[in-house]
Protein backbone atom coordinates (compact mmCIF):
# COMPACT_ATOMS: atom_id res chain seq x y z
CA MET A 1 117.21 45.53 205.91
CA ALA A 2 115.27 44.12 202.93
CA HIS A 3 112.20 43.72 205.13
CA LYS A 4 112.29 47.41 206.08
CA GLN A 5 112.43 48.45 202.41
CA GLU A 6 109.38 46.28 201.66
CA ASP A 7 107.45 48.00 204.46
CA ILE A 8 108.49 51.47 203.26
CA GLN A 9 107.50 50.90 199.61
CA PRO A 10 103.73 50.40 200.18
CA ILE A 11 103.64 53.32 202.64
CA SER A 12 105.23 55.67 200.07
CA ASN A 13 102.70 54.55 197.44
CA ASP A 14 99.81 55.18 199.83
CA SER A 15 101.19 58.56 200.94
CA LEU A 16 101.34 59.70 197.30
CA LYS A 17 97.57 59.26 196.90
CA PRO A 18 96.31 61.56 199.74
CA GLU A 19 98.84 64.29 198.80
CA PRO A 20 96.69 65.85 196.03
CA LYS A 21 93.59 65.68 198.24
CA TYR A 22 95.48 67.48 201.03
CA LYS A 23 96.67 70.14 198.55
CA ILE A 24 93.08 70.70 197.37
CA LEU A 25 91.93 70.97 201.00
CA VAL A 26 94.62 73.56 201.77
CA TYR A 27 93.77 75.47 198.58
CA SER A 28 90.05 75.57 199.41
CA LEU A 29 90.81 76.59 203.00
CA SER A 30 93.12 79.43 201.89
CA TRP A 31 90.54 80.57 199.31
CA PHE A 32 87.85 80.59 202.01
CA LEU A 33 90.11 82.68 204.26
CA LEU A 34 90.81 85.14 201.44
CA SER A 35 87.10 85.50 200.64
CA ALA A 36 86.33 85.98 204.35
CA LEU A 37 89.00 88.70 204.63
CA SER A 38 87.66 90.54 201.58
CA PHE A 39 84.12 90.25 202.99
CA PHE A 40 85.03 91.99 206.27
């Protein structure tokens, strides 16, 4: 059980880092879609 927790801890730390990047990507993608819709 302790081994599983050790494996989960580093994964959670790594998953926290790409979260903001993913949010920025989604934001930019949604903004691009909005601009494209207004253009048409």
